Protein backbone atom coordinates (compact mmCIF):
# COMPACT_ATOMS: atom_id res chain seq x y z
CA MET A 1 29.81 -44.55 59.21
CA LYS A 2 26.64 -42.52 59.39
CA CYS A 3 28.58 -39.32 58.83
CA GLY A 4 30.39 -40.90 55.86
CA ARG A 5 27.12 -41.96 54.26
CA SER A 6 25.72 -38.49 54.89
CA ILE A 7 28.67 -36.76 53.24
CA GLY A 8 28.69 -39.21 50.33
CA SER A 9 24.97 -38.71 49.71
CA MET A 10 25.50 -34.94 49.25
CA LYS A 11 27.71 -35.30 46.14
CA PRO A 12 24.87 -36.03 43.66
CA THR A 13 22.96 -33.07 45.11
CA ASP A 14 25.94 -30.73 44.53
CA ASP A 15 26.31 -31.99 40.95
CA SER A 16 22.60 -31.45 40.33
CA LEU A 17 22.84 -27.90 41.62
CA LYS A 18 25.80 -27.17 39.36
CA LYS A 19 23.98 -28.55 36.34
CA ALA A 20 20.85 -26.60 37.19
CA THR A 21 22.90 -23.41 37.61
CA VAL A 22 24.60 -23.88 34.23
CA PHE A 23 21.25 -24.61 32.58
CA MET A 24 19.64 -21.51 34.05
CA ALA A 25 22.60 -19.37 32.98
CA ARG A 26 22.36 -20.65 29.42
CA PHE A 27 18.59 -20.18 29.43
CA LEU A 28 18.95 -16.58 30.56
CA VAL A 29 21.58 -15.83 27.90
CA VAL A 30 19.48 -17.33 25.09
CA GLY A 31 16.34 -15.63 26.39
CA THR A 32 18.12 -12.28 26.51
CA LEU A 33 19.36 -12.68 22.93
CA LEU A 34 15.88 -13.58 21.71
CA LEU A 35 14.40 -10.63 23.56
CA LEU A 36 16.95 -8.28 22.04
CA SER A 37 16.33 -9.69 18.58
CA GLY A 38 12.61 -9.11 19.02
CA CYS A 39 13.23 -5.57 20.19
CA GLY A 40 15.21 -4.96 17.04
CA GLY A 41 11.87 -4.70 15.23
CA ILE A 42 10.85 -5.44 11.70
CA ARG A 43 13.12 -3.82 9.17
CA GLU A 44 11.16 -2.85 6.07
CA PRO A 45 13.10 -2.19 2.87
CA GLY A 46 12.53 1.12 1.17
CA LYS A 47 9.65 1.06 -1.28
CA PRO A 48 8.61 3.42 -4.07
CA LEU A 49 5.87 6.00 -3.72
CA ARG A 50 3.50 3.60 -5.44
CA THR A 51 4.11 -0.14 -5.87
CA ALA A 52 3.28 -1.78 -9.19
CA ILE A 53 0.05 -3.23 -7.79
CA GLU A 54 -0.99 0.14 -6.32
CA GLN A 55 -0.39 1.79 -9.69
CA LEU A 56 -2.59 -0.79 -11.40
CA LEU A 57 -5.29 -0.42 -8.75
CA LEU A 58 -5.48 3.33 -9.34
CA SER A 59 -5.01 3.44 -13.10
CA GLN A 60 -7.56 0.72 -13.83
CA ALA A 61 -10.10 2.17 -11.38
CA LEU A 62 -9.76 5.51 -13.15
CA GLU A 63 -10.18 3.84 -16.56
CA ARG A 64 -13.48 2.34 -15.40
CA THR A 65 -14.88 5.78 -14.68
CA LEU A 66 -14.18 7.18 -18.15
CA ASP A 67 -16.78 5.26 -20.16
CA ASN A 68 -19.60 7.76 -19.59
CA VAL A 69 -17.53 10.95 -19.52
CA SER A 70 -18.31 13.54 -22.18
CA LEU A 71 -18.51 17.32 -22.49
CA PRO A 72 -21.48 19.37 -23.80
CA LEU A 73 -19.17 21.44 -26.00
CA PRO A 74 -18.73 22.01 -29.72
CA SER A 75 -16.53 19.49 -31.51
CA HIS A 76 -12.83 20.39 -31.58
CA ALA A 77 -13.29 23.04 -28.88
CA ALA A 78 -10.02 24.18 -27.30
CA ILE A 79 -9.90 23.07 -23.65
CA LEU A 80 -7.45 23.53 -20.79
CA VAL A 81 -7.65 20.66 -18.26
CA GLU A 82 -6.76 21.31 -14.60
CA ALA A 83 -6.89 19.00 -11.57
CA ALA A 84 -7.16 19.56 -7.82
CA GLY A 85 -7.24 17.14 -4.88
CA LEU A 86 -7.24 17.07 -1.11
CA THR A 87 -3.46 16.73 -0.72
CA ARG A 88 -1.50 19.78 0.36
CA ASP A 89 0.72 19.90 -2.72
CA TYR A 90 0.12 18.99 -6.34
CA SER A 91 1.09 15.31 -6.50
CA PRO A 92 2.10 12.88 -9.28
CA ASP A 93 -1.22 11.10 -8.65
CA GLN A 94 -3.16 14.25 -9.50
CA GLU A 95 -1.05 14.83 -12.59
CA TYR A 96 -1.63 11.26 -13.77
CA ALA A 97 -5.39 11.65 -13.28
CA ARG A 98 -5.36 14.96 -15.17
CA GLN A 99 -3.39 13.46 -18.05
CA ALA A 100 -5.60 10.37 -18.26
CA ILE A 101 -8.83 12.40 -18.29
CA ALA A 102 -7.37 14.89 -20.78
CA GLY A 103 -6.34 12.01 -23.05
CA HIS A 104 -9.87 10.61 -22.92
CA LEU A 105 -11.32 14.00 -23.91
CA THR A 106 -8.91 14.40 -26.83
CA ARG A 107 -10.01 11.00 -28.14
CA GLN A 108 -13.53 12.44 -28.22
CA GLY A 109 -12.32 15.16 -30.56
CA PHE A 110 -11.60 18.07 -28.22
CA ARG A 111 -8.41 20.05 -28.76
CA LEU A 112 -6.13 20.11 -25.73
CA VAL A 113 -4.06 23.27 -25.18
CA GLN A 114 -1.37 24.00 -22.60
CA ARG A 115 -1.59 27.78 -22.36
CA GLU A 116 -4.57 29.52 -20.83
CA GLU A 117 -4.85 32.21 -23.49
CA GLU A 118 -5.29 29.55 -26.17
CA ALA A 119 -8.25 27.87 -24.44
CA THR A 120 -11.90 28.59 -25.05
CA TYR A 121 -13.02 26.47 -22.10
CA ARG A 122 -11.45 25.52 -18.79
CA VAL A 123 -12.11 21.96 -17.53
CA ARG A 124 -11.54 21.57 -13.80
CA VAL A 125 -11.17 18.02 -12.48
CA LEU A 126 -11.97 17.70 -8.77
CA LEU A 127 -10.49 14.55 -7.19
CA GLN A 128 -12.43 13.61 -4.09
CA THR A 129 -10.35 10.49 -3.64
CA PHE A 130 -7.53 8.91 -5.63
CA GLY A 131 -5.69 6.45 -3.43
CA THR A 132 -5.32 2.95 -2.02
CA GLU A 133 -6.10 1.19 1.24
CA ARG A 134 -4.21 -1.82 2.61
CA GLY A 135 -5.20 -4.31 5.30
CA VAL A 136 -3.22 -7.27 6.66
CA VAL A 137 -4.35 -10.26 8.75
CA PHE A 138 -1.36 -12.27 9.97
CA VAL A 139 -1.06 -15.33 12.20
CA GLY A 140 2.48 -16.55 12.77
CA THR A 141 5.95 -15.18 13.45
CA PRO A 142 6.96 -12.01 11.60
CA SER A 143 10.39 -11.57 10.08
CA VAL A 144 12.73 -9.73 12.44
CA GLN A 145 16.26 -8.37 12.17
CA SER A 146 18.44 -7.83 15.23
CA VAL A 147 21.64 -5.86 15.48
CA LEU A 148 23.10 -8.76 17.48
CA LEU A 149 22.25 -11.59 15.09
CA PRO A 150 23.98 -11.85 11.69
CA LEU A 151 20.98 -13.30 9.86
CA PRO A 152 17.33 -12.19 9.95
CA ILE A 153 14.66 -14.52 11.29
CA PRO A 154 12.38 -15.33 8.32
CA GLU A 155 8.63 -14.86 8.43
CA ILE A 156 6.63 -17.95 9.38
CA ALA A 157 3.02 -17.51 8.31
CA LEU A 158 0.35 -19.95 9.43
CA TYR A 159 -2.17 -17.63 7.77
CA LYS A 160 -1.66 -14.32 6.01
CA ASP A 161 -4.15 -12.19 4.15
CA VAL A 162 -3.00 -8.98 2.45
CA LYS A 163 -5.84 -6.97 0.90
CA GLU A 164 -5.33 -3.84 -1.19
CA LYS A 165 -8.10 -1.69 -2.68
CA GLY A 166 -7.98 1.27 -5.00
CA TYR A 167 -10.59 4.03 -4.80
CA VAL A 168 -11.29 6.75 -7.36
CA ARG A 169 -14.05 9.37 -7.16
CA TRP A 170 -14.01 12.58 -9.14
CA SER A 171 -16.12 15.14 -11.00
CA LEU A 172 -15.46 17.93 -13.46
CA ASN A 173 -16.74 21.45 -14.08
CA VAL A 174 -16.59 23.20 -17.44
CA LEU A 175 -16.21 26.98 -17.44
CA GLU A 176 -15.94 29.54 -20.18
CA ARG A 177 -12.42 30.86 -19.86
CA ALA A 178 -13.10 34.46 -20.89
CA THR A 179 -16.02 35.06 -18.49
CA GLY A 180 -15.63 32.31 -15.87
CA ALA A 181 -19.26 31.30 -16.42
CA LEU A 182 -20.15 27.71 -15.50
CA ILE A 183 -21.15 25.76 -18.60
CA SER A 184 -21.76 22.35 -17.02
CA SER A 185 -21.10 20.33 -13.88
CA SER A 186 -20.81 16.55 -14.04
CA PRO A 187 -22.03 13.96 -11.54
CA TRP A 188 -19.47 12.11 -9.42
CA TYR A 189 -17.68 9.30 -11.24
CA ALA A 190 -16.53 6.49 -8.95
CA ALA A 191 -14.92 3.04 -9.20
CA SER A 192 -12.85 0.68 -7.08
CA THR A 193 -10.46 -2.23 -7.63
CA TYR A 194 -9.04 -4.92 -5.37
CA TYR A 195 -6.05 -7.25 -5.09
CA SER A 196 -5.74 -9.87 -2.32
CA GLU A 197 -2.91 -12.31 -1.60
CA TYR A 198 -3.31 -15.28 0.75
CA THR A 199 -0.73 -17.56 2.39
CA VAL A 200 -1.80 -20.70 4.27
CA LEU A 201 0.54 -23.04 6.17
CA PHE A 202 3.78 -21.34 5.16
CA PHE A 203 3.90 -22.03 1.41
CA VAL A 204 0.37 -22.40 -0.03
CA THR A 205 -0.31 -19.06 -1.76
CA PHE A 206 -3.03 -17.75 -4.06
CA ARG A 207 -4.58 -14.42 -5.05
CA LEU A 208 -7.95 -12.91 -5.91
CA THR A 209 -8.23 -9.73 -7.97
CA ASP A 210 -10.37 -7.89 -10.51
CA LEU A 211 -7.31 -6.31 -12.15
CA GLU A 212 -6.16 -7.04 -15.66
CA LEU A 213 -2.60 -8.08 -14.87
CA PRO A 214 0.21 -8.11 -17.45
CA GLU A 215 1.51 -11.52 -18.42
């Protein structure tokens, strides 16, 4: 009888071991899938060279530097406007800055020419900085995409702060084209802009900015 009770008392223990084994196996499988999904990394969609907000940050910062810009030259003087920056190649940003500054000078009455031989003066724009900075503070679970899971895991933000700033600093030199003599050298013109987006508790969002945004 003692042996019978002993054998009978082992059955619940065997069942418990089987259940524990199945549970651990399932736990390991799920854990492995989650680990692999995390290792898949964050997949960022392709974005343009400059986002719409970055373009506004730069263009409006540049506009704020133009108020006090003038040239000590005769009215309707023929000028050739050039631009140079710190990037290796001539970039669309530099071309935009050159065009914007040239447009401002033409509104003051100067005559803009495209060929060097037609110019009386050469205006050289020196871009010390013309770019944006971005900082992110994030508390929560980022969006991830795994090659093993059909659907991405959405971002869950307890708190998110995305700050973008635009910086512009430039000067210009005016030279006589025929002789290369320096006529004038301007001070540095500088301005900055900002755009910040906040998310609190998943869905509460708001923004702070000094930009003039289109409706």
